[in-house]
Structures are given as structure tokens and as C-alpha cells.
Amino acid sequence: MPSSAERGGSAAALLLLTACGGAPSVPLAPAAAVDSAAVPVQPIAVPAAPIRYDAVGYASWYGEEVAGNDTASGSRFDPGAITAAHRTLPLGSFVEVTSLDSGRTILVLVNDRGPGRIDREIDLSRGAAQALGTSDRAMAPVRVRASAANAADAASLAAGRSANLRLDAPAALLGALRARLPSYTPPIERPDMRRSLGVVPAAIGADTRVVQVAAFSNAARARALADRLRGLVTGEGGVYRVRLGPFVDPVSAERARDAAARRGYGDATIIVEP
């Protein structure tokens, strides 16, 4: 055991060492330099969950009367493109739309919101309705099913062109899909619209009736709608009115107004002219 004198000497030596040079330090190894450019940052891939949607209902369509307006996706509406408006499906997604009358199926790009009426499942562009074969009526029974699109189809639809053809739905599948509708009525042959609406020359001296369907500030849009309905355009004060007629009896005028309403123009009004 060290004596008290030895212990005192050791303490004194330690005190002297501290006063002269400070406490000894332990050198640390330098941290390895990291070249951030040599270590590429890998983005985290988050796979998109597949959209699951399959419904039956009724499709309406819209066209030149809103051409050039902004859609919900920010793009301008092109009536001839193969697009659609839906209330809930993601913008930019794709759906297969099948006519329950014919079985014809097309691929459509969802780029807008709608329809406004709850009794309609989807609102097709005029181009999509023509491709599906349903542009001759206000509403048509359809199946709407979410679908993927390959690069070629996606590019075609983005450019306003049709995607590759889809196989028609077989008869057995159509029967099952029609059974999911609350009611299904097979399509009937439709006669020429002007004749079916009772458009006949008015008798001289008799009151006549016209059906005012819509009014526009753009003459081209008014003419486009008039061509679709086979009506007339009257312009006054920068307002262009689309009208059907003239009709010589109230029944014909009412039938024309109801037909316009079924095509989505619920504000159509009968006007009596002397």
C-alpha cells in the first residue's frame, strides 16, 4: 500500500501536469467523407391502388353547346374527343362503357365532373356517344367499368382520338347486366326527328307555336345545337335562340318540348306567336 507521502506526491504531479498542458485528449478518427453525387437517391415507389368500379345506369351526352369550355381537369372541352364526365371516378382515369342495347364497348377518358342529374350514371362527349352508337337519343342504358389503358390507347385518347376497338359484350353478359337495371326497355326504331316532332308549315292566319330550347351568346354554338335538333336560330341583340317549329297545334308543340327536355334541355319553353 502506498504511504501517505507517496499519495501526496502523485497528487502533486497530477496537479502540475494539468496546469502545464491541460487534460490529455484522445484524437478521434476523422469521419469518412460521403460523396452525395455518388449515392443516387432512389424515389419511393408508391403503387397506385387499382380502381374498382362497375355500375349500370344511363348515359347522356353533351357536345357543341359547351365546346371550348374548361373541364374539371383543366383542359378545354372537345365535343369530338372520346371523353366523359363522372361524379366520382378520378380525373384522368379510364373506363369501358358498354351499350346495353348493342353490346358495343369503347374505352373513354374521364376528364370532367357530372352529370348533374342523379338519374344518370355518366355524361359522354358527343364523340364518345357516336362511337358507342347512342348519340341518337337523350339517354341510353350502359355499363361503366373502370379499366386500365395501355400507352398507345392513353396517348390516342389524350390526343382526342379513339382507342383500339374492344370486344362486344356477349349476349349472356348483356342479359345479366340488363337485369341489374331497375327497368330495361329495348330500343325502338326512331323516325326522322322533324317529322316525329310534327314540324309542318303553319296555316296562314293561325296562331303558331315554337319551342325555344336554349339561348347562346355565341352564334356558332347556337347553330351547332340547331343542326343537332334540326331547328332554327334567331338572333337579336347578340343573343342567339335555338327554336323548333313552327307548330300548328298545341299537341305537336308539347311533344317537341318534351323531346327537347329528354335530351337534357329541361328549360325548353313553348312560345305562342300570332
Protein backbone atom coordinates (compact mmCIF):
# COMPACT_ATOMS: atom_id res chain seq x y z
CA MET A 1 0.00 0.00 0.00
CA PRO A 2 1.43 3.44 -0.90
CA SER A 3 2.28 5.66 2.00
CA SER A 4 0.63 8.99 2.60
CA ALA A 5 3.76 10.72 1.30
CA GLU A 6 3.62 8.77 -1.96
CA ARG A 7 -0.07 9.57 -2.38
CA GLY A 8 0.62 13.24 -1.86
CA GLY A 9 3.40 13.16 -4.43
CA SER A 10 1.19 11.57 -7.01
CA ALA A 11 -1.48 14.21 -6.48
CA ALA A 12 1.02 16.99 -6.80
CA ALA A 13 2.40 15.56 -10.02
CA LEU A 14 -1.12 15.34 -11.50
CA LEU A 15 -1.83 18.92 -10.48
CA LEU A 16 1.39 20.10 -12.15
CA LEU A 17 0.60 18.22 -15.35
CA THR A 18 -2.85 19.81 -15.55
CA ALA A 19 -1.53 23.28 -15.01
CA CYS A 20 1.14 22.96 -17.68
CA GLY A 21 -0.59 21.25 -20.61
CA GLY A 22 -4.23 20.73 -19.80
CA ALA A 23 -6.03 17.38 -19.72
CA PRO A 24 -4.78 14.93 -22.29
CA SER A 25 -7.13 14.48 -25.27
CA VAL A 26 -7.84 11.35 -27.26
CA PRO A 27 -7.70 12.03 -31.01
CA LEU A 28 -10.80 10.91 -32.92
CA ALA A 29 -10.65 9.26 -36.30
CA PRO A 30 -11.92 11.65 -38.99
CA ALA A 31 -15.40 10.85 -40.32
CA ALA A 32 -15.43 9.30 -43.76
CA ALA A 33 -16.35 11.82 -46.43
CA VAL A 34 -19.61 10.97 -48.25
CA ASP A 35 -19.93 11.93 -51.88
CA SER A 36 -23.63 12.62 -52.23
CA ALA A 37 -23.33 12.58 -56.02
CA ALA A 38 -22.02 9.03 -55.91
CA VAL A 39 -25.06 7.76 -53.97
CA PRO A 40 -28.17 8.23 -56.12
CA VAL A 41 -31.37 8.97 -54.26
CA GLN A 42 -33.95 6.32 -55.09
CA PRO A 43 -37.52 7.64 -55.17
CA ILE A 44 -40.01 5.72 -53.10
CA ALA A 45 -42.34 3.91 -55.46
CA VAL A 46 -45.89 4.03 -54.21
CA PRO A 47 -48.01 1.71 -56.36
CA ALA A 48 -51.35 3.19 -57.29
CA ALA A 49 -54.23 1.20 -55.93
CA PRO A 50 -56.33 -0.25 -58.76
CA ILE A 51 -59.66 1.47 -59.22
CA ARG A 52 -62.60 -0.84 -58.66
CA TYR A 53 -65.79 0.44 -60.21
CA ASP A 54 -68.54 -1.41 -62.05
CA ALA A 55 -72.03 0.06 -62.39
CA VAL A 56 -75.00 0.09 -64.71
CA GLY A 57 -77.16 3.11 -65.39
CA TYR A 58 -77.96 5.63 -68.07
CA ALA A 59 -75.61 7.73 -70.17
CA SER A 60 -76.45 11.16 -71.53
CA TRP A 61 -74.19 13.23 -73.75
CA TYR A 62 -73.17 16.81 -74.41
CA GLY A 63 -71.50 18.49 -77.35
CA GLU A 64 -71.02 21.70 -79.29
CA GLU A 65 -73.18 23.77 -76.96
CA VAL A 66 -70.28 23.80 -74.44
CA ALA A 67 -67.36 23.43 -76.86
CA GLY A 68 -64.23 25.17 -75.62
CA ASN A 69 -65.38 25.45 -72.01
CA ASP A 70 -62.95 24.38 -69.30
CA THR A 71 -63.47 20.86 -67.96
CA ALA A 72 -62.86 19.88 -64.33
CA SER A 73 -59.44 18.58 -65.36
CA GLY A 74 -58.44 21.99 -66.72
CA SER A 75 -58.47 21.05 -70.39
CA ARG A 76 -60.83 22.59 -72.94
CA PHE A 77 -63.87 20.51 -73.82
CA ASP A 78 -63.63 18.98 -77.30
CA PRO A 79 -67.01 17.57 -78.41
CA GLY A 80 -65.36 15.19 -80.88
CA ALA A 81 -62.94 13.65 -78.37
CA ILE A 82 -63.71 10.36 -76.61
CA THR A 83 -64.20 11.68 -73.10
CA ALA A 84 -66.76 11.61 -70.30
CA ALA A 85 -67.90 13.34 -67.13
CA HIS A 86 -68.40 11.31 -63.96
CA ARG A 87 -69.24 12.33 -60.41
CA THR A 88 -66.70 10.22 -58.50
CA LEU A 89 -64.18 8.46 -60.76
CA PRO A 90 -60.71 10.04 -60.68
CA LEU A 91 -59.98 12.61 -63.36
CA GLY A 92 -57.56 11.13 -65.85
CA SER A 93 -58.77 7.57 -65.28
CA PHE A 94 -60.23 5.32 -67.96
CA VAL A 95 -63.50 3.42 -68.16
CA GLU A 96 -65.01 0.91 -70.52
CA VAL A 97 -68.54 1.96 -71.46
CA THR A 98 -70.79 -0.76 -72.86
CA SER A 99 -74.11 -0.12 -74.56
CA LEU A 100 -76.66 -2.46 -73.02
CA ASP A 101 -78.67 -2.27 -76.24
CA SER A 102 -75.98 -3.42 -78.66
CA GLY A 103 -73.09 -4.70 -76.54
CA ARG A 104 -70.68 -2.28 -78.20
CA THR A 105 -67.85 -1.31 -75.83
CA ILE A 106 -65.48 1.65 -76.01
CA LEU A 107 -62.66 2.99 -73.85
CA VAL A 108 -63.22 6.53 -72.57
CA LEU A 109 -61.08 9.10 -70.75
CA VAL A 110 -62.71 10.68 -67.67
CA ASN A 111 -61.81 14.39 -67.73
CA ASP A 112 -64.85 16.19 -66.32
CA ARG A 113 -67.40 16.16 -63.50
CA GLY A 114 -71.08 15.35 -63.94
CA PRO A 115 -73.80 14.51 -64.79
CA GLY A 116 -75.79 16.98 -62.76
CA ARG A 117 -78.86 14.75 -62.70
CA ILE A 118 -78.80 11.87 -60.24
CA ASP A 119 -80.69 9.55 -62.59
CA ARG A 120 -77.71 9.48 -64.99
CA GLU A 121 -74.56 7.46 -64.45
CA ILE A 122 -72.22 9.16 -66.91
CA ASP A 123 -72.20 12.06 -69.36
CA LEU A 124 -70.41 11.23 -72.60
CA SER A 125 -68.95 13.65 -75.09
CA ARG A 126 -70.67 13.75 -78.46
CA GLY A 127 -67.71 11.85 -79.95
CA ALA A 128 -67.96 9.12 -77.33
CA ALA A 129 -71.73 8.81 -77.80
CA GLN A 130 -71.28 8.48 -81.54
CA ALA A 131 -68.57 5.86 -81.10
CA LEU A 132 -70.87 3.94 -78.77
CA GLY A 133 -73.83 4.32 -81.14
CA THR A 134 -76.06 6.15 -78.64
CA SER A 135 -75.97 9.71 -79.99
CA ASP A 136 -79.48 9.44 -81.41
CA ARG A 137 -81.17 9.56 -78.00
CA ALA A 138 -81.07 11.63 -74.83
CA MET A 139 -80.22 8.69 -72.56
CA ALA A 140 -79.06 5.15 -73.19
CA PRO A 141 -78.55 2.21 -70.81
CA VAL A 142 -74.87 1.46 -70.26
CA ARG A 143 -72.36 -0.36 -68.12
CA VAL A 144 -69.47 1.73 -66.75
CA ARG A 145 -66.44 -0.25 -65.61
CA ALA A 146 -63.05 1.13 -64.52
CA SER A 147 -60.28 -0.09 -66.78
CA ALA A 148 -56.56 0.28 -67.38
CA ALA A 149 -55.25 1.72 -70.64
CA ASN A 150 -52.04 0.77 -72.37
CA ALA A 151 -49.66 3.52 -73.51
CA ALA A 152 -50.98 3.57 -77.08
CA ASP A 153 -54.63 3.85 -76.02
CA ALA A 154 -53.84 6.50 -73.41
CA ALA A 155 -51.96 8.57 -75.99
CA SER A 156 -54.79 8.26 -78.53
CA LEU A 157 -57.45 9.36 -76.05
CA ALA A 158 -55.29 12.25 -74.82
CA ALA A 159 -54.98 13.41 -78.44
CA GLY A 160 -58.76 13.26 -78.96
CA ARG A 161 -58.74 10.03 -80.96
CA SER A 162 -60.44 6.69 -80.32
CA ALA A 163 -58.61 3.89 -78.56
CA ASN A 164 -58.28 0.43 -80.06
CA LEU A 165 -61.52 -1.46 -80.51
CA ARG A 166 -62.88 -3.53 -77.63
CA LEU A 167 -64.75 -6.78 -77.98
CA ASP A 168 -68.52 -6.50 -77.89
CA ALA A 169 -70.20 -7.85 -74.78
CA PRO A 170 -71.69 -11.32 -75.39
CA ALA A 171 -75.42 -11.87 -75.20
CA ALA A 172 -75.25 -13.76 -71.88
CA LEU A 173 -73.39 -10.91 -70.21
CA LEU A 174 -75.77 -8.32 -71.66
CA GLY A 175 -78.71 -10.22 -70.20
CA ALA A 176 -77.13 -10.21 -66.75
CA LEU A 177 -76.28 -6.51 -66.96
CA ARG A 178 -79.77 -5.55 -68.12
CA ALA A 179 -81.20 -7.43 -65.14
CA ARG A 180 -79.28 -5.07 -62.83
CA LEU A 181 -81.23 -2.08 -64.14
CA PRO A 182 -84.48 -1.21 -62.35
CA SER A 183 -86.17 -1.50 -65.73
CA TYR A 184 -84.95 -2.11 -69.22
CA THR A 185 -86.80 -1.28 -72.43
CA PRO A 186 -85.35 -2.49 -75.74
CA PRO A 187 -84.61 0.31 -78.20
CA ILE A 188 -87.10 1.12 -80.93
CA GLU A 189 -86.50 2.49 -84.38
CA ARG A 190 -86.76 6.26 -84.32
CA PRO A 191 -88.23 8.17 -87.30
CA ASP A 192 -86.84 11.42 -88.62
CA MET A 193 -86.87 13.98 -85.79
CA ARG A 194 -88.57 16.78 -87.68
CA ARG A 195 -91.38 14.51 -88.77
CA SER A 196 -91.76 12.94 -85.32
CA LEU A 197 -91.91 16.41 -83.71
CA GLY A 198 -94.70 17.46 -86.06
CA VAL A 199 -92.85 20.19 -87.94
CA VAL A 200 -95.27 21.25 -90.67
CA PRO A 201 -95.91 24.52 -92.47
CA ALA A 202 -98.08 26.84 -90.43
CA ALA A 203 -101.52 27.77 -91.70
CA ILE A 204 -101.82 31.38 -92.81
CA GLY A 205 -103.70 33.50 -90.26
CA ALA A 206 -103.47 30.93 -87.44
CA ASP A 207 -101.51 31.25 -84.22
CA THR A 208 -98.30 29.25 -84.37
CA ARG A 209 -96.14 27.81 -81.63
CA VAL A 210 -92.39 27.42 -81.41
CA VAL A 211 -90.30 25.68 -78.78
CA GLN A 212 -87.38 27.73 -77.53
CA VAL A 213 -84.72 25.22 -76.47
CA ALA A 214 -81.77 27.37 -75.43
CA ALA A 215 -80.14 30.77 -75.89
CA PHE A 216 -76.44 31.46 -76.56
CA SER A 217 -74.16 34.45 -76.88
CA ASN A 218 -72.13 32.51 -79.45
CA ALA A 219 -73.73 32.10 -82.87
CA ALA A 220 -71.64 29.05 -83.82
CA ARG A 221 -72.75 27.11 -80.76
CA ALA A 222 -76.36 28.03 -81.37
CA ARG A 223 -76.12 26.81 -84.98
CA ALA A 224 -74.44 23.57 -83.87
CA LEU A 225 -77.29 22.80 -81.48
CA ALA A 226 -79.90 23.77 -84.05
CA ASP A 227 -78.29 21.39 -86.54
CA ARG A 228 -78.41 18.57 -83.98
CA LEU A 229 -82.09 19.20 -83.25
CA ARG A 230 -82.93 20.25 -86.80
CA GLY A 231 -84.20 23.56 -85.51
CA LEU A 232 -83.73 27.22 -86.37
CA VAL A 233 -81.61 30.04 -84.94
CA THR A 234 -82.99 33.53 -84.37
CA GLY A 235 -80.63 36.33 -83.34
CA GLU A 236 -81.36 39.65 -81.71
CA GLY A 237 -79.19 41.91 -79.56
CA GLY A 238 -76.28 39.47 -79.52
CA VAL A 239 -78.45 36.60 -78.20
CA TYR A 240 -78.96 33.58 -80.44
CA ARG A 241 -82.01 31.45 -79.68
CA VAL A 242 -82.46 27.87 -80.81
CA ARG A 243 -86.07 27.09 -81.65
CA LEU A 244 -88.10 24.20 -83.00
CA GLY A 245 -91.18 24.64 -85.14
CA PRO A 246 -93.39 26.31 -86.04
CA PHE A 247 -96.22 24.00 -84.94
CA VAL A 248 -99.89 24.46 -85.78
CA ASP A 249 -101.35 22.70 -82.75
CA PRO A 250 -100.55 22.52 -79.01
CA VAL A 251 -100.03 18.76 -79.02
CA SER A 252 -97.21 18.90 -81.55
CA ALA A 253 -95.55 21.74 -79.68
CA GLU A 254 -95.76 19.87 -76.37
CA ARG A 255 -94.31 16.76 -77.97
CA ALA A 256 -91.38 18.81 -79.28
CA ARG A 257 -90.79 20.43 -75.88
CA ASP A 258 -90.84 17.04 -74.14
CA ALA A 259 -88.39 15.63 -76.67
CA ALA A 260 -86.01 18.53 -76.04
CA ALA A 261 -86.32 18.01 -72.28
CA ARG A 262 -85.41 14.34 -72.65
CA ARG A 263 -82.24 15.42 -74.42
CA GLY A 264 -81.24 17.47 -71.41
CA TYR A 265 -82.90 20.81 -72.18
CA GLY A 266 -85.39 20.89 -69.34
CA ASP A 267 -85.93 24.65 -69.67
CA ALA A 268 -87.41 24.34 -73.16
CA THR A 269 -90.47 26.60 -73.43
CA ILE A 270 -93.43 26.84 -75.78
CA ILE A 271 -93.94 30.31 -77.24
CA VAL A 272 -97.19 31.28 -79.00
CA GLU A 273 -96.73 33.63 -81.92
CA PRO A 274 -99.65 35.36 -83.71
